[in-house]
Amino acid sequence: MNQEIDNAVEKMKSTVNNLEKKFGIVRAGRANPSSLDGVMVEYYGQMTPLKQLGTISVPEGNQLLIKPFDKSCLKNMEKAIIAANLGYNPSNDGETIRIVVPALTEERRKELVKQVKALAEEAKVAIRNIRRDANEKIEKEDLAEDEEKSLKNDIQDLVNEYNKDIERLLKEKEEELMPEVNGIKLALKPISGTITSRYGESSSLRKSTHTGLDIAATTGTPIKVVADGIVTNASYSGSYGNLVKISHGDGVETWYAHTSKMYVTVGQKVSAGDTIAAVGSTGNSTGAHLHFEIRINGNHVNPQKYLYNQ
């Protein structure tokens, strides 16, 4: 009967592997070549996986670049990406296809979380069905009661093991889609733009290492709050210039510095996605950008662990 155990292991492993592939297609607002795994392109009369027709690279954190082995299939590649309904708007320059991955809204992130939970539940159902089938085959064998019970226990151990794998994959994907800091879900980036200075970097402008991220953007670009909270500061604050601080509870704060305008006041409640300020260059700054910090119990942490993780 070891064959039944081996068969169950193979089927359960395949179920978890398929789930991982499906999760890879669900994008989280940053460029991931695996998001194109399901795209099929018509190539000389045959439907062919896009990834077999060229190379897919990530030149920037929010961009995908596709270089076809045969340029004649560029138009079909472009059509296939649009038809896949991934929310991508591919740009075809005749040599390559470039995709700028759009930032996810809070609403879209919540929809995707529901989607991956449903996929995880489907995988658990498949695992239970594998257990049922294995147990039925065991019951048809002429086995001693103790041997039958032992084999069924072995099958149940497998179910428990692979369900843990499913829960782990789900947790990782949920955290990717809706990052958390101390249990506070961060729904979106405050702005889109190029990171010009990362957390922990040194600079001649500052005496200590960088306590946040600098994201370049044009003056006046709206700055969104990343999660629900209460405004605790909205004033000029020395080297930070115009600084908005938001408390999100459980010791979590986000800081938005060097702003040109502030649209909120101390004590005001804000919701994720509200515009709280505009990009500027006030305080110790050499150009228009947002200095963004996350603090936990007063201590700064690397925002790229939670947002801008490209």
Protein backbone atom coordinates (compact mmCIF):
# COMPACT_ATOMS: atom_id res chain seq x y z
CA MET A 1 0.00 0.00 0.00
CA ASN A 2 3.01 2.30 -0.06
CA GLN A 3 1.98 2.95 -3.65
CA GLU A 4 -1.17 4.72 -2.46
CA ILE A 5 0.92 6.94 -0.18
CA ASP A 6 3.30 7.73 -3.03
CA ASN A 7 0.40 8.54 -5.36
CA ALA A 8 -1.16 10.83 -2.77
CA VAL A 9 2.16 12.63 -2.22
CA GLU A 10 2.57 13.17 -5.96
CA LYS A 11 -0.96 14.51 -6.41
CA MET A 12 -0.82 16.79 -3.37
CA LYS A 13 2.57 18.15 -4.39
CA SER A 14 1.22 18.86 -7.87
CA THR A 15 -1.78 20.68 -6.36
CA VAL A 16 0.46 22.97 -4.30
CA ASN A 17 2.80 23.60 -7.24
CA ASN A 18 -0.15 24.58 -9.44
CA LEU A 19 -1.40 26.95 -6.75
CA GLU A 20 2.01 28.61 -6.57
CA LYS A 21 1.95 29.11 -10.34
CA LYS A 22 -1.53 30.65 -10.17
CA PHE A 23 -0.41 33.00 -7.39
CA GLY A 24 2.53 34.05 -9.57
CA ILE A 25 0.14 35.29 -12.25
CA VAL A 26 -1.73 37.50 -9.76
CA ARG A 27 0.27 40.71 -9.93
CA ALA A 28 0.92 42.90 -6.93
CA GLY A 29 1.69 46.24 -8.55
CA ARG A 30 5.28 45.47 -9.43
CA ALA A 31 6.81 43.85 -12.47
CA ASN A 32 6.95 40.07 -12.40
CA PRO A 33 7.65 38.05 -15.57
CA SER A 34 5.54 35.18 -14.20
CA SER A 35 2.45 37.38 -14.59
CA LEU A 36 2.72 36.63 -18.32
CA ASP A 37 2.93 32.84 -17.88
CA GLY A 38 -0.66 32.32 -19.00
CA VAL A 39 -0.42 34.49 -22.14
CA MET A 40 -0.77 32.44 -25.33
CA VAL A 41 0.29 33.89 -28.68
CA GLU A 42 -0.75 32.73 -32.15
CA TYR A 43 2.51 31.86 -33.89
CA TYR A 44 2.41 30.26 -37.34
CA GLY A 45 -1.04 28.83 -36.65
CA GLN A 46 -0.16 27.42 -33.23
CA MET A 47 -1.06 28.86 -29.81
CA THR A 48 2.31 29.21 -28.10
CA PRO A 49 3.22 30.47 -24.60
CA LEU A 50 4.59 34.00 -24.88
CA LYS A 51 7.58 33.10 -22.68
CA GLN A 52 8.72 30.63 -25.35
CA LEU A 53 8.80 33.33 -28.03
CA GLY A 54 11.24 35.75 -26.43
CA THR A 55 13.02 36.92 -23.31
CA ILE A 56 11.20 38.78 -20.54
CA SER A 57 13.24 41.06 -18.29
CA VAL A 58 12.61 43.69 -15.59
CA PRO A 59 14.60 46.82 -16.56
CA GLU A 60 12.90 48.79 -13.76
CA GLY A 61 10.84 47.78 -10.76
CA ASN A 62 7.53 48.59 -12.46
CA GLN A 63 8.40 47.62 -16.04
CA LEU A 64 8.56 44.46 -18.13
CA LEU A 65 10.57 44.31 -21.36
CA ILE A 66 9.88 41.60 -23.93
CA LYS A 67 12.44 40.91 -26.67
CA PRO A 68 11.02 38.47 -29.26
CA PHE A 69 13.20 35.91 -30.96
CA ASP A 70 11.22 36.67 -34.12
CA LYS A 71 10.10 40.31 -34.54
CA SER A 72 7.33 39.25 -36.92
CA CYS A 73 5.28 38.06 -33.94
CA LEU A 74 5.39 41.40 -32.07
CA LYS A 75 1.85 42.41 -33.10
CA ASN A 76 0.43 39.04 -32.08
CA MET A 77 2.27 39.28 -28.77
CA GLU A 78 0.76 42.71 -28.16
CA LYS A 79 -2.76 41.46 -29.00
CA ALA A 80 -2.35 38.43 -26.73
CA ILE A 81 -1.25 40.53 -23.75
CA ILE A 82 -4.27 42.81 -24.14
CA ALA A 83 -6.61 39.84 -24.61
CA ALA A 84 -5.29 38.22 -21.41
CA ASN A 85 -7.05 40.98 -19.45
CA LEU A 86 -4.14 41.53 -17.06
CA GLY A 87 -4.68 45.27 -16.92
CA TYR A 88 -1.55 45.86 -18.99
CA ASN A 89 -1.20 48.41 -21.80
CA PRO A 90 1.76 47.12 -23.87
CA SER A 91 3.86 49.52 -25.95
CA ASN A 92 5.29 48.08 -29.18
CA ASP A 93 8.22 50.03 -30.71
CA GLY A 94 8.86 47.54 -33.52
CA GLU A 95 11.80 45.97 -31.68
CA THR A 96 10.47 45.17 -28.23
CA ILE A 97 7.33 45.36 -26.12
CA ARG A 98 7.48 47.42 -22.95
CA ILE A 99 4.87 47.17 -20.21
CA VAL A 100 4.59 49.70 -17.40
CA VAL A 101 2.83 47.88 -14.58
CA PRO A 102 0.18 50.22 -13.15
CA ALA A 103 -0.03 50.79 -9.41
CA LEU A 104 -2.84 48.91 -7.70
CA THR A 105 -5.65 50.78 -5.99
CA GLU A 106 -6.81 49.72 -2.53
CA GLU A 107 -10.05 48.39 -4.01
CA ARG A 108 -8.18 46.31 -6.58
CA ARG A 109 -5.83 44.94 -3.91
CA LYS A 110 -8.81 43.81 -1.84
CA GLU A 111 -10.32 42.12 -4.90
CA LEU A 112 -7.05 40.28 -5.54
CA VAL A 113 -6.85 39.15 -1.91
CA LYS A 114 -10.33 37.62 -2.28
CA GLN A 115 -9.18 35.98 -5.51
CA VAL A 116 -6.11 34.33 -3.97
CA LYS A 117 -8.14 33.17 -0.95
CA ALA A 118 -10.55 31.47 -3.34
CA LEU A 119 -7.64 29.82 -5.17
CA ALA A 120 -6.24 28.58 -1.86
CA GLU A 121 -9.61 27.15 -0.87
CA GLU A 122 -9.86 25.34 -4.22
CA ALA A 123 -6.45 23.80 -3.55
CA LYS A 124 -7.57 22.64 -0.08
CA VAL A 125 -10.66 21.04 -1.61
CA ALA A 126 -8.43 19.24 -4.11
CA ILE A 127 -6.24 17.98 -1.24
CA ARG A 128 -9.33 16.66 0.59
CA ASN A 129 -10.49 14.91 -2.57
CA ILE A 130 -7.10 13.23 -2.90
CA ARG A 131 -7.44 12.04 0.72
CA ARG A 132 -10.93 10.69 0.03
CA ASP A 133 -9.79 8.79 -3.05
CA ALA A 134 -6.78 7.33 -1.26
CA ASN A 135 -8.86 6.26 1.74
CA GLU A 136 -11.44 4.58 -0.51
CA LYS A 137 -8.71 2.53 -2.18
CA ILE A 138 -7.27 1.58 1.20
CA GLU A 139 -10.69 0.44 2.40
CA LYS A 140 -11.05 -1.86 -0.63
CA GLU A 141 -7.88 -3.73 0.34
CA ASP A 142 -8.05 -6.73 2.64
CA LEU A 143 -6.02 -5.18 5.44
CA ALA A 144 -5.86 -5.68 9.16
CA GLU A 145 -7.70 -2.96 11.08
CA ASP A 146 -4.51 -1.56 12.61
CA GLU A 147 -2.76 -1.43 9.21
CA GLU A 148 -5.71 0.34 7.59
CA LYS A 149 -5.86 2.86 10.42
CA SER A 150 -2.10 3.48 10.18
CA LEU A 151 -2.28 4.12 6.43
CA LYS A 152 -5.21 6.52 6.85
CA ASN A 153 -3.26 8.36 9.54
CA ASP A 154 -0.34 8.65 7.14
CA ILE A 155 -2.67 10.14 4.52
CA GLN A 156 -4.04 12.61 7.06
CA ASP A 157 -0.49 13.64 7.99
CA LEU A 158 0.09 14.42 4.32
CA VAL A 159 -3.12 16.48 4.21
CA ASN A 160 -1.96 18.48 7.23
CA GLU A 161 1.49 19.02 5.75
CA TYR A 162 0.29 20.24 2.35
CA ASN A 163 -2.45 22.39 3.88
CA LYS A 164 0.30 24.14 5.85
CA ASP A 165 2.11 24.77 2.55
CA ILE A 166 -1.08 26.26 1.11
CA GLU A 167 -1.52 28.52 4.15
CA ARG A 168 2.11 29.65 3.89
CA LEU A 169 1.75 30.51 0.20
CA LEU A 170 -1.51 32.34 0.89
CA LYS A 171 0.00 34.37 3.74
CA GLU A 172 2.99 35.35 1.59
CA LYS A 173 0.73 36.41 -1.28
CA GLU A 174 -1.62 38.37 0.99
CA GLU A 175 1.37 40.22 2.47
CA GLU A 176 2.58 40.97 -1.05
CA LEU A 177 -0.83 42.31 -2.08
CA MET A 178 -1.64 44.11 1.19
CA PRO A 179 1.60 44.74 3.10
CA GLU A 180 1.29 45.04 6.87
CA VAL A 181 3.24 46.94 9.49
CA ASN A 182 2.41 45.74 13.01
CA GLY A 183 -0.93 44.50 11.71
CA ILE A 184 -1.68 47.77 9.86
CA LYS A 185 -2.41 47.09 6.19
CA LEU A 186 -0.72 49.50 3.78
CA ALA A 187 -3.10 49.87 0.88
CA LEU A 188 -1.05 51.79 -1.69
CA LYS A 189 2.06 53.83 -2.42
CA PRO A 190 1.90 57.55 -1.56
CA ILE A 191 3.13 58.45 -5.07
CA SER A 192 4.56 56.72 -8.11
CA GLY A 193 8.01 57.77 -9.23
CA THR A 194 11.71 56.98 -9.32
CA ILE A 195 13.48 56.26 -6.05
CA THR A 196 16.46 58.62 -5.90
CA SER A 197 17.71 57.80 -2.40
CA ARG A 198 17.10 54.60 -0.50
CA TYR A 199 16.81 53.80 3.17
CA GLY A 200 20.17 53.64 4.96
CA GLU A 201 22.16 55.47 2.29
CA SER A 202 24.66 58.19 3.19
CA SER A 203 24.70 61.67 1.67
CA SER A 204 26.60 64.94 2.02
CA LEU A 205 23.23 66.59 2.79
CA ARG A 206 22.68 64.67 6.00
CA LYS A 207 24.76 63.85 9.07
CA SER A 208 23.33 60.34 9.48
CA THR A 209 22.15 57.60 7.15
CA HIS A 210 18.85 58.04 5.31
CA THR A 211 15.80 57.30 7.44
CA GLY A 212 13.34 56.83 4.58
CA LEU A 213 12.92 56.82 0.81
CA ASP A 214 13.17 59.77 -1.58
CA ILE A 215 10.84 59.44 -4.56
CA ALA A 216 11.25 62.01 -7.34
CA ALA A 217 8.11 63.59 -8.82
CA THR A 218 7.05 66.93 -10.24
CA THR A 219 6.04 69.72 -7.90
CA GLY A 220 2.34 69.54 -7.10
CA THR A 221 1.99 65.77 -7.58
CA PRO A 222 -0.74 64.58 -5.16
CA ILE A 223 0.51 62.57 -2.18
CA LYS A 224 -1.81 59.82 -0.94
CA VAL A 225 -1.92 58.47 2.60
CA VAL A 226 -1.04 54.76 2.60
CA ALA A 227 -3.53 53.61 5.26
CA ASP A 228 -6.34 54.90 7.48
CA GLY A 229 -5.19 57.11 10.33
CA ILE A 230 -5.18 60.41 12.19
CA VAL A 231 -3.01 63.45 11.36
CA THR A 232 -0.55 64.17 14.19
CA ASN A 233 1.55 66.83 12.45
CA ALA A 234 1.02 69.20 9.53
CA SER A 235 3.60 71.97 9.82
CA TYR A 236 7.03 73.18 8.76
CA SER A 237 9.52 70.97 10.61
CA GLY A 238 13.11 72.08 10.05
CA SER A 239 15.10 69.98 7.59
CA TYR A 240 11.95 68.00 6.73
CA GLY A 241 10.28 71.15 5.40
CA ASN A 242 6.51 70.88 5.29
CA LEU A 243 5.89 67.59 7.07
CA VAL A 244 2.71 65.57 7.47
CA LYS A 245 2.68 62.75 10.02
CA ILE A 246 -0.10 60.18 10.18
CA SER A 247 -0.67 57.82 13.11
CA HIS A 248 -2.18 54.48 12.04
CA GLY A 249 -2.42 52.90 15.50
CA ASP A 250 -0.36 50.15 17.14
CA GLY A 251 2.67 52.45 17.17
CA VAL A 252 2.79 52.83 13.37
CA GLU A 253 3.37 56.27 11.82
CA THR A 254 4.05 57.40 8.26
CA TRP A 255 5.84 60.67 7.45
CA TYR A 256 5.52 62.72 4.24
CA ALA A 257 8.20 65.43 3.97
CA HIS A 258 9.34 68.37 1.79
CA THR A 259 5.77 68.95 0.59
CA SER A 260 4.80 72.14 -1.24
CA LYS A 261 1.27 72.12 0.17
CA MET A 262 -0.49 70.35 3.05
CA TYR A 263 -4.20 69.68 2.77
CA VAL A 264 -4.85 68.26 6.25
CA THR A 265 -4.84 69.51 9.85
CA VAL A 266 -3.82 67.94 13.15
CA GLY A 267 -6.52 65.65 14.54
CA GLN A 268 -8.14 65.06 11.16
CA LYS A 269 -9.12 61.47 10.30
CA VAL A 270 -7.95 60.26 6.90
CA SER A 271 -8.68 57.17 4.86
CA ALA A 272 -6.27 55.18 2.69
CA GLY A 273 -5.93 56.90 -0.67
CA ASP A 274 -6.90 60.40 0.54
CA THR A 275 -4.75 63.22 -0.85
CA ILE A 276 -2.97 64.78 2.13
CA ALA A 277 -0.30 66.96 0.49
CA ALA A 278 1.53 67.83 -2.72
CA VAL A 279 5.12 67.11 -3.72
CA GLY A 280 7.54 69.97 -3.22
CA SER A 281 11.10 70.87 -2.24
CA THR A 282 10.81 72.59 1.14
CA GLY A 283 13.36 72.17 3.92
CA ASN A 284 16.70 70.44 3.28
CA SER A 285 16.03 69.48 -0.32
CA THR A 286 17.73 69.86 -3.71
CA GLY A 287 14.72 69.18 -5.92
CA ALA A 288 11.07 68.19 -5.99
CA HIS A 289 10.52 64.84 -4.31
CA LEU A 290 8.71 63.07 -1.49
CA HIS A 291 10.69 61.88 1.51
CA PHE A 292 8.64 59.00 2.89
CA GLU A 293 9.19 57.27 6.23
CA ILE A 294 7.58 54.47 8.19
CA ARG A 295 8.10 54.48 11.94
CA ILE A 296 7.23 51.81 14.49
CA ASN A 297 7.13 52.99 18.10
CA GLY A 298 9.23 55.98 17.08
CA ASN A 299 11.91 53.95 15.28
CA HIS A 300 12.32 54.28 11.52
CA VAL A 301 12.22 51.11 9.41
CA ASN A 302 12.94 50.40 5.77
CA PRO A 303 9.82 51.30 3.73
CA GLN A 304 10.96 48.92 0.98
CA LYS A 305 10.10 46.00 3.23
CA TYR A 306 6.47 47.03 2.84
CA LEU A 307 6.12 49.34 -0.18
CA TYR A 308 8.31 50.18 -3.19
CA ASN A 309 9.78 46.69 -2.89
CA GLN A 310 11.32 46.68 -6.35
